[in-house]
Amino acid sequence: MKEQLQENLQRRLAILRDEISGFPEGMRMDPRQLLREAIEQDLAIAEVDGNRAEMARCEIELSLLAEWDEAAPDR
């Protein structure tokens, strides 16, 4: 499951990078930060809904992003 989530995160991050590259220079944001915020929102919704499976998925995704940040902070 972790490998699937990692692949999914990589795809989502690639999509965000592609979309952000079309923004004017002053409006560009860090794609990893946007992805992290989206996952945090998903986690908050899952917590309100009491969806434990979704909460677990979001927590794993956030931990993967943290690992990526530690491994390559400028990426």
C-alpha atoms as a PDB file:
ATOM      1  CA  MET A   1       0.000   0.000   0.000  1.00  0.00           C
ATOM      2  CA  LYS A   2       2.821   2.384   0.857  1.00  0.00           C
ATOM      3  CA  GLU A   3       4.375   1.878  -2.576  1.00  0.00           C
ATOM      4  CA  GLN A   4       1.069   2.649  -4.296  1.00  0.00           C
ATOM      5  CA  LEU A   5       0.647   5.794  -2.218  1.00  0.00           C
ATOM      6  CA  GLN A   6       4.189   6.855  -3.056  1.00  0.00           C
ATOM      7  CA  GLU A   7       3.543   6.402  -6.786  1.00  0.00           C
ATOM      8  CA  ASN A   8       0.282   8.321  -6.472  1.00  0.00           C
ATOM      9  CA  LEU A   9       2.020  11.164  -4.635  1.00  0.00           C
ATOM     10  CA  GLN A  10       4.715  11.324  -7.302  1.00  0.00           C
ATOM     11  CA  ARG A  11       2.054  11.583 -10.015  1.00  0.00           C
ATOM     12  CA  ARG A  12       0.156  14.274  -8.110  1.00  0.00           C
ATOM     13  CA  LEU A  13       3.365  16.199  -7.520  1.00  0.00           C
ATOM     14  CA  ALA A  14       4.277  16.009 -11.224  1.00  0.00           C
ATOM     15  CA  ILE A  15       0.846  17.354 -12.138  1.00  0.00           C
ATOM     16  CA  LEU A  16       1.195  20.224  -9.667  1.00  0.00           C
ATOM     17  CA  ARG A  17       4.679  21.064 -10.952  1.00  0.00           C
ATOM     18  CA  ASP A  18       3.369  21.142 -14.507  1.00  0.00           C
ATOM     19  CA  GLU A  19       0.406  23.340 -13.605  1.00  0.00           C
ATOM     20  CA  ILE A  20       2.490  25.725 -11.493  1.00  0.00           C
ATOM     21  CA  SER A  21       5.096  26.146 -14.229  1.00  0.00           C
ATOM     22  CA  GLY A  22       2.477  28.006 -16.260  1.00  0.00           C
ATOM     23  CA  PHE A  23       1.907  30.601 -13.523  1.00  0.00           C
ATOM     24  CA  PRO A  24       3.631  33.976 -13.657  1.00  0.00           C
ATOM     25  CA  GLU A  25       6.884  34.014 -11.667  1.00  0.00           C
ATOM     26  CA  GLY A  26       5.459  35.988  -8.735  1.00  0.00           C
ATOM     27  CA  MET A  27       2.493  33.641  -8.334  1.00  0.00           C
ATOM     28  CA  ARG A  28       4.359  30.325  -8.234  1.00  0.00           C
ATOM     29  CA  MET A  29       4.155  28.271  -5.081  1.00  0.00           C
ATOM     30  CA  ASP A  30       6.034  25.229  -3.851  1.00  0.00           C
ATOM     31  CA  PRO A  31       4.259  22.171  -5.308  1.00  0.00           C
ATOM     32  CA  ARG A  32       5.216  19.994  -2.331  1.00  0.00           C
ATOM     33  CA  GLN A  33       3.688  22.531   0.048  1.00  0.00           C
ATOM     34  CA  LEU A  34       0.482  22.623  -2.000  1.00  0.00           C
ATOM     35  CA  LEU A  35       0.330  18.844  -1.999  1.00  0.00           C
ATOM     36  CA  ARG A  36       0.956  18.751   1.760  1.00  0.00           C
ATOM     37  CA  GLU A  37      -1.849  21.266   2.366  1.00  0.00           C
ATOM     38  CA  ALA A  38      -4.251  19.274   0.198  1.00  0.00           C
ATOM     39  CA  ILE A  39      -3.470  16.095   2.138  1.00  0.00           C
ATOM     40  CA  GLU A  40      -3.883  17.928   5.446  1.00  0.00           C
ATOM     41  CA  GLN A  41      -7.322  19.098   4.278  1.00  0.00           C
ATOM     42  CA  ASP A  42      -8.219  15.539   3.288  1.00  0.00           C
ATOM     43  CA  LEU A  43      -7.100  14.373   6.725  1.00  0.00           C
ATOM     44  CA  ALA A  44      -9.220  16.985   8.475  1.00  0.00           C
ATOM     45  CA  ILE A  45     -12.281  15.935   6.464  1.00  0.00           C
ATOM     46  CA  ALA A  46     -11.607  12.266   7.197  1.00  0.00           C
ATOM     47  CA  GLU A  47     -11.346  13.030  10.910  1.00  0.00           C
ATOM     48  CA  VAL A  48     -14.685  14.845  10.896  1.00  0.00           C
ATOM     49  CA  ASP A  49     -16.262  11.983   8.950  1.00  0.00           C
ATOM     50  CA  GLY A  50     -14.649   9.390  11.209  1.00  0.00           C
ATOM     51  CA  ASN A  51     -13.174   7.638   8.166  1.00  0.00           C
ATOM     52  CA  ARG A  52     -10.289   5.722   9.721  1.00  0.00           C
ATOM     53  CA  ALA A  53      -9.058   4.242   6.429  1.00  0.00           C
ATOM     54  CA  GLU A  54      -8.812   7.696   4.853  1.00  0.00           C
ATOM     55  CA  MET A  55      -7.116   9.065   7.976  1.00  0.00           C
ATOM     56  CA  ALA A  56      -4.525   6.276   7.807  1.00  0.00           C
ATOM     57  CA  ARG A  57      -3.929   6.944   4.100  1.00  0.00           C
ATOM     58  CA  CYS A  58      -3.425  10.654   4.704  1.00  0.00           C
ATOM     59  CA  GLU A  59      -1.069  10.043   7.605  1.00  0.00           C
ATOM     60  CA  ILE A  60       1.056   7.720   5.477  1.00  0.00           C
ATOM     61  CA  GLU A  61       1.135  10.264   2.656  1.00  0.00           C
ATOM     62  CA  LEU A  62       2.203  13.019   5.046  1.00  0.00           C
ATOM     63  CA  SER A  63       4.968  10.802   6.426  1.00  0.00           C
ATOM     64  CA  LEU A  64       6.158  10.076   2.876  1.00  0.00           C
ATOM     65  CA  LEU A  65       6.293  13.795   2.113  1.00  0.00           C
ATOM     66  CA  ALA A  66       8.274  14.362   5.310  1.00  0.00           C
ATOM     67  CA  GLU A  67      10.729  11.656   4.227  1.00  0.00           C
ATOM     68  CA  TRP A  68      11.098  13.325   0.834  1.00  0.00           C
ATOM     69  CA  ASP A  69      11.714  16.688   2.503  1.00  0.00           C
ATOM     70  CA  GLU A  70      14.458  15.191   4.646  1.00  0.00           C
ATOM     71  CA  ALA A  71      16.053  13.381   1.707  1.00  0.00           C
ATOM     72  CA  ALA A  72      15.941  16.281  -0.754  1.00  0.00           C
ATOM     73  CA  PRO A  73      14.798  19.551   0.810  1.00  0.00           C
ATOM     74  CA  ASP A  74      15.285  21.585  -2.380  1.00  0.00           C
ATOM     75  CA  ARG A  75      13.498  19.195  -4.692  1.00  0.00           C
END
